[in-house]
Every structure is written in structure tokens, then in C-alpha cells.
Amino acid sequence: MAKPAATPVEIDVKHAYQWIFYAARSATKVVEELFDLSVPDSEVAHLSLYIGAAVERKKEALPPVGFGPSSCAGAGSAPHKCLKFV
């Protein structure tokens, strides 16, 4: 059976979100084996959009985490104990 022609969405997703597309393709391999079916790349591209949207929502929900200096008072304070989350 011939492979269907790539859709514009598929081409765009493969180019713009390459790592998400290949992660989605890896996930669909499990589904393909479990249910003995084939998931076309056009469907993987649409799944990639959902995964990409979830990743972006997760990024917006988490505040940036970093380390900054803190005042260390007292004798015997180790330098690595003088950092705190900011």
C-alpha cells in the first residue's frame, strides 16, 4: 500500500516541533503494537500539536527556579549552605 502524501500540517509540525513529533511517534509505536494497527504521520502530527500545547501550558504554570545568595551568619557556615531558592 502506498504511503499517503504528507499534509501541510504534517510538514510544518515535523519542521517546527521536531522533537515533539518524534516523541509522539515513539508513543504511537506502543499503540500500534498493542492494537495491531498503523498510525499515519498525519495523525502523529496532530497528536504532536496537543503534546506541544501541554508542554507550553506547563512552562507557563511553573515559575522560574534559580539559586541566589543568602546571608550566612555564624561561624562554621559552609559556602554551599549559603544558597537558597529564589
Protein backbone atom coordinates (compact mmCIF):
# COMPACT_ATOMS: atom_id res chain seq x y z
CA MET A 1 0.00 0.00 0.00
CA ALA A 2 1.34 3.42 -0.94
CA LYS A 3 2.12 5.95 1.77
CA PRO A 4 -0.32 8.89 1.70
CA ALA A 5 1.07 12.28 0.70
CA ALA A 6 2.23 14.50 3.54
CA THR A 7 -0.25 17.16 4.62
CA PRO A 8 0.81 20.78 5.13
CA VAL A 9 0.21 20.41 8.88
CA GLU A 10 2.41 17.33 8.99
CA ILE A 11 5.23 19.09 7.15
CA ASP A 12 5.02 22.18 9.41
CA VAL A 13 4.93 20.14 12.63
CA LYS A 14 7.82 17.92 11.57
CA HIS A 15 9.89 21.02 10.87
CA ALA A 16 8.87 23.34 13.74
CA TYR A 17 8.40 20.77 16.52
CA GLN A 18 10.76 18.01 15.50
CA TRP A 19 11.50 16.63 18.98
CA ILE A 20 7.81 16.60 19.93
CA PHE A 21 6.90 14.84 16.67
CA TYR A 22 9.46 12.10 17.26
CA ALA A 23 8.34 11.71 20.88
CA ALA A 24 4.74 11.33 19.69
CA ARG A 25 5.86 8.85 17.02
CA SER A 26 7.61 6.80 19.71
CA ALA A 27 4.44 6.80 21.82
CA THR A 28 2.29 5.69 18.89
CA LYS A 29 4.59 2.71 18.32
CA VAL A 30 3.26 1.27 21.57
CA VAL A 31 -0.33 1.83 20.46
CA GLU A 32 0.39 0.29 17.07
CA GLU A 33 1.82 -2.86 18.64
CA LEU A 34 -0.85 -3.13 21.30
CA PHE A 35 -3.79 -2.79 18.90
CA ASP A 36 -2.13 -4.15 15.75
CA LEU A 37 -2.75 -1.05 13.66
CA SER A 38 -0.84 1.67 11.86
CA VAL A 39 -0.89 5.34 12.86
CA PRO A 40 -0.05 7.60 9.90
CA ASP A 41 2.35 10.53 10.26
CA SER A 42 -0.51 12.98 9.66
CA GLU A 43 -2.20 11.70 12.83
CA VAL A 44 1.09 11.79 14.73
CA ALA A 45 1.44 15.43 13.65
CA HIS A 46 -1.95 16.28 15.15
CA LEU A 47 -1.07 14.43 18.34
CA SER A 48 2.17 16.43 18.44
CA LEU A 49 0.19 19.66 18.47
CA TYR A 50 -1.69 18.52 21.58
CA ILE A 51 1.53 17.47 23.28
CA GLY A 52 3.22 20.75 22.32
CA ALA A 53 0.31 22.75 23.74
CA ALA A 54 0.53 20.81 27.01
CA VAL A 55 4.29 21.48 27.20
CA GLU A 56 3.71 25.20 26.69
CA ARG A 57 0.98 25.32 29.36
CA LYS A 58 3.33 23.55 31.76
CA LYS A 59 6.09 26.10 31.06
CA GLU A 60 3.72 29.00 31.81
CA ALA A 61 2.49 27.43 35.07
CA LEU A 62 5.92 26.98 36.64
CA PRO A 63 7.81 29.98 37.99
CA PRO A 64 11.47 30.08 37.06
CA VAL A 65 13.65 28.44 39.69
CA GLY A 66 17.11 29.63 40.47
CA PHE A 67 19.60 29.95 43.25
CA GLY A 68 20.71 33.19 44.77
CA PRO A 69 22.98 34.23 47.58
CA SER A 70 21.62 34.28 51.08
CA SER A 71 23.08 35.87 54.15
CA CYS A 72 25.09 33.31 56.06
CA ALA A 73 25.69 34.25 59.62
CA GLY A 74 27.66 32.38 62.19
CA ALA A 75 30.89 30.55 62.38
CA GLY A 76 31.17 27.26 60.58
CA SER A 77 28.70 28.12 57.82
CA ALA A 78 29.65 26.18 54.74
CA PRO A 79 29.56 28.16 51.48
CA HIS A 80 27.30 25.61 49.79
CA LYS A 81 24.75 26.08 52.56
CA CYS A 82 24.54 29.80 51.83
CA LEU A 83 22.38 29.42 48.74
CA LYS A 84 18.62 29.42 48.72
CA PHE A 85 15.85 29.16 46.15
CA VAL A 86 14.75 32.49 44.74
